[in-house]
Amino acid sequence: MCNCKNIRGASKEAFDQMVQLPYQGKTVSIDPCIVDEIKSLWAVGIHTLGSCCGHNNHEGTICVHERDVFEMIELGYELSTLYENRLDMFKLKSDE
């Protein structure tokens, strides 16, 4: 799990600790403990649609564009167990 404080995801406290980064012409909010992993995916052309470190409450996840699903598998990512029917949701490697 991450080194973040145990906080509820989507809470004001969670949003207050997020890092703001430019991505595809807009600003996105990312949990600080997974910034490096997300940036590494961007660097190889993976289009992320959302992410969460899990805040020590559940596994961390990354949602990617459907066109990048095969590439995520090629990079060694595993599908998230939190979303049984989602083929675009992956476990964070930094959770391993």
C-alpha atoms as a PDB file:
ATOM      1  CA  MET A   1       0.000   0.000   0.000  1.00  0.00           C
ATOM      2  CA  CYS A   2       0.987   3.629  -0.313  1.00  0.00           C
ATOM      3  CA  ASN A   3       2.539   5.847   2.297  1.00  0.00           C
ATOM      4  CA  CYS A   4      -0.430   8.208   2.284  1.00  0.00           C
ATOM      5  CA  LYS A   5      -2.348   8.891   5.408  1.00  0.00           C
ATOM      6  CA  ASN A   6      -5.436   6.728   5.840  1.00  0.00           C
ATOM      7  CA  ILE A   7      -8.033   9.059   4.371  1.00  0.00           C
ATOM      8  CA  ARG A   8     -11.275   8.489   2.582  1.00  0.00           C
ATOM      9  CA  GLY A   9     -10.940   8.767  -1.194  1.00  0.00           C
ATOM     10  CA  ALA A  10     -12.873  11.577  -2.876  1.00  0.00           C
ATOM     11  CA  SER A  11     -12.844  13.526   0.398  1.00  0.00           C
ATOM     12  CA  LYS A  12     -11.730  17.141   0.732  1.00  0.00           C
ATOM     13  CA  GLU A  13      -8.679  15.907   2.623  1.00  0.00           C
ATOM     14  CA  ALA A  14      -7.786  13.574  -0.264  1.00  0.00           C
ATOM     15  CA  PHE A  15      -8.145  16.342  -2.836  1.00  0.00           C
ATOM     16  CA  ASP A  16      -6.150  18.804  -0.719  1.00  0.00           C
ATOM     17  CA  GLN A  17      -3.081  16.535  -0.750  1.00  0.00           C
ATOM     18  CA  MET A  18      -3.164  15.840  -4.501  1.00  0.00           C
ATOM     19  CA  VAL A  19      -0.514  17.091  -6.916  1.00  0.00           C
ATOM     20  CA  GLN A  20      -1.725  19.225  -9.824  1.00  0.00           C
ATOM     21  CA  LEU A  21      -0.064  18.386 -13.151  1.00  0.00           C
ATOM     22  CA  PRO A  22      -0.635  19.474 -16.746  1.00  0.00           C
ATOM     23  CA  TYR A  23      -1.874  16.645 -18.953  1.00  0.00           C
ATOM     24  CA  GLN A  24      -3.225  16.842 -22.494  1.00  0.00           C
ATOM     25  CA  GLY A  25      -4.007  20.533 -22.284  1.00  0.00           C
ATOM     26  CA  LYS A  26      -5.665  20.493 -18.868  1.00  0.00           C
ATOM     27  CA  THR A  27      -4.698  20.165 -15.220  1.00  0.00           C
ATOM     28  CA  VAL A  28      -5.231  16.821 -13.483  1.00  0.00           C
ATOM     29  CA  SER A  29      -5.038  15.893  -9.800  1.00  0.00           C
ATOM     30  CA  ILE A  30      -2.956  12.869  -8.806  1.00  0.00           C
ATOM     31  CA  ASP A  31      -2.205  11.312  -5.437  1.00  0.00           C
ATOM     32  CA  PRO A  32       1.386  12.284  -4.583  1.00  0.00           C
ATOM     33  CA  CYS A  33       2.578   8.728  -3.925  1.00  0.00           C
ATOM     34  CA  ILE A  34       1.747   7.593  -7.488  1.00  0.00           C
ATOM     35  CA  VAL A  35       2.889  10.624  -9.510  1.00  0.00           C
ATOM     36  CA  ASP A  36       6.065   8.876 -10.717  1.00  0.00           C
ATOM     37  CA  GLU A  37       4.166   5.793 -11.894  1.00  0.00           C
ATOM     38  CA  ILE A  38       1.571   7.877 -13.740  1.00  0.00           C
ATOM     39  CA  LYS A  39       4.261  10.025 -15.367  1.00  0.00           C
ATOM     40  CA  SER A  40       6.095   6.883 -16.500  1.00  0.00           C
ATOM     41  CA  LEU A  41       2.913   5.673 -18.209  1.00  0.00           C
ATOM     42  CA  TRP A  42       2.450   9.038 -19.908  1.00  0.00           C
ATOM     43  CA  ALA A  43       6.071   8.868 -21.094  1.00  0.00           C
ATOM     44  CA  VAL A  44       5.367   5.655 -23.037  1.00  0.00           C
ATOM     45  CA  GLY A  45       2.131   6.990 -24.513  1.00  0.00           C
ATOM     46  CA  ILE A  46      -0.466   5.481 -22.151  1.00  0.00           C
ATOM     47  CA  HIS A  47      -3.541   7.706 -21.847  1.00  0.00           C
ATOM     48  CA  THR A  48      -4.762   7.664 -18.252  1.00  0.00           C
ATOM     49  CA  LEU A  49      -8.336   8.626 -17.447  1.00  0.00           C
ATOM     50  CA  GLY A  50      -8.109   8.467 -13.658  1.00  0.00           C
ATOM     51  CA  SER A  51      -6.153   6.976 -10.809  1.00  0.00           C
ATOM     52  CA  CYS A  52      -6.247   6.466  -7.060  1.00  0.00           C
ATOM     53  CA  CYS A  53      -3.566   5.237  -4.680  1.00  0.00           C
ATOM     54  CA  GLY A  54      -6.217   3.589  -2.511  1.00  0.00           C
ATOM     55  CA  HIS A  55      -5.342   5.688   0.548  1.00  0.00           C
ATOM     56  CA  ASN A  56      -4.478   2.502   2.456  1.00  0.00           C
ATOM     57  CA  ASN A  57      -8.145   1.480   2.254  1.00  0.00           C
ATOM     58  CA  HIS A  58      -8.117  -0.552  -0.990  1.00  0.00           C
ATOM     59  CA  GLU A  59      -5.812  -1.402  -3.876  1.00  0.00           C
ATOM     60  CA  GLY A  60      -4.584   1.468  -5.983  1.00  0.00           C
ATOM     61  CA  THR A  61      -5.958   1.690  -9.522  1.00  0.00           C
ATOM     62  CA  ILE A  62      -5.347   3.307 -12.883  1.00  0.00           C
ATOM     63  CA  CYS A  63      -8.035   3.713 -15.516  1.00  0.00           C
ATOM     64  CA  VAL A  64      -6.714   3.910 -19.087  1.00  0.00           C
ATOM     65  CA  HIS A  65      -8.189   4.594 -22.486  1.00  0.00           C
ATOM     66  CA  GLU A  66      -9.485   1.404 -24.088  1.00  0.00           C
ATOM     67  CA  ARG A  67      -6.917   1.651 -26.882  1.00  0.00           C
ATOM     68  CA  ASP A  68      -4.145   1.302 -24.275  1.00  0.00           C
ATOM     69  CA  VAL A  69      -5.438  -1.831 -22.514  1.00  0.00           C
ATOM     70  CA  PHE A  70      -3.234  -4.239 -24.499  1.00  0.00           C
ATOM     71  CA  GLU A  71      -0.165  -2.051 -23.918  1.00  0.00           C
ATOM     72  CA  MET A  72      -0.829  -2.047 -20.153  1.00  0.00           C
ATOM     73  CA  ILE A  73      -0.907  -5.840 -20.181  1.00  0.00           C
ATOM     74  CA  GLU A  74       2.308  -5.866 -22.210  1.00  0.00           C
ATOM     75  CA  LEU A  75       3.861  -3.603 -19.553  1.00  0.00           C
ATOM     76  CA  GLY A  76       3.003  -6.198 -16.926  1.00  0.00           C
ATOM     77  CA  TYR A  77      -0.028  -4.536 -15.362  1.00  0.00           C
ATOM     78  CA  GLU A  78      -2.811  -6.677 -13.913  1.00  0.00           C
ATOM     79  CA  LEU A  79      -6.522  -5.941 -14.040  1.00  0.00           C
ATOM     80  CA  SER A  80      -7.962  -4.488 -10.862  1.00  0.00           C
ATOM     81  CA  THR A  81      -9.892  -6.855  -8.635  1.00  0.00           C
ATOM     82  CA  LEU A  82     -12.110  -3.963  -7.503  1.00  0.00           C
ATOM     83  CA  TYR A  83     -13.876  -3.703 -10.845  1.00  0.00           C
ATOM     84  CA  GLU A  84     -14.745  -7.188 -12.103  1.00  0.00           C
ATOM     85  CA  ASN A  85     -16.320  -6.114 -15.393  1.00  0.00           C
ATOM     86  CA  ARG A  86     -13.865  -3.346 -16.278  1.00  0.00           C
ATOM     87  CA  LEU A  87     -11.103  -4.164 -18.736  1.00  0.00           C
ATOM     88  CA  ASP A  88      -9.662  -0.645 -18.496  1.00  0.00           C
ATOM     89  CA  MET A  89      -8.913  -0.648 -14.743  1.00  0.00           C
ATOM     90  CA  PHE A  90      -5.506  -1.847 -13.584  1.00  0.00           C
ATOM     91  CA  LYS A  91      -3.717  -2.352 -10.277  1.00  0.00           C
ATOM     92  CA  LEU A  92      -0.876   0.036  -9.543  1.00  0.00           C
ATOM     93  CA  LYS A  93       2.548  -1.580  -9.710  1.00  0.00           C
ATOM     94  CA  SER A  94       3.609   0.647  -6.833  1.00  0.00           C
ATOM     95  CA  ASP A  95       1.133  -1.360  -4.684  1.00  0.00           C
ATOM     96  CA  GLU A  96       3.175  -4.524  -5.164  1.00  0.00           C
END
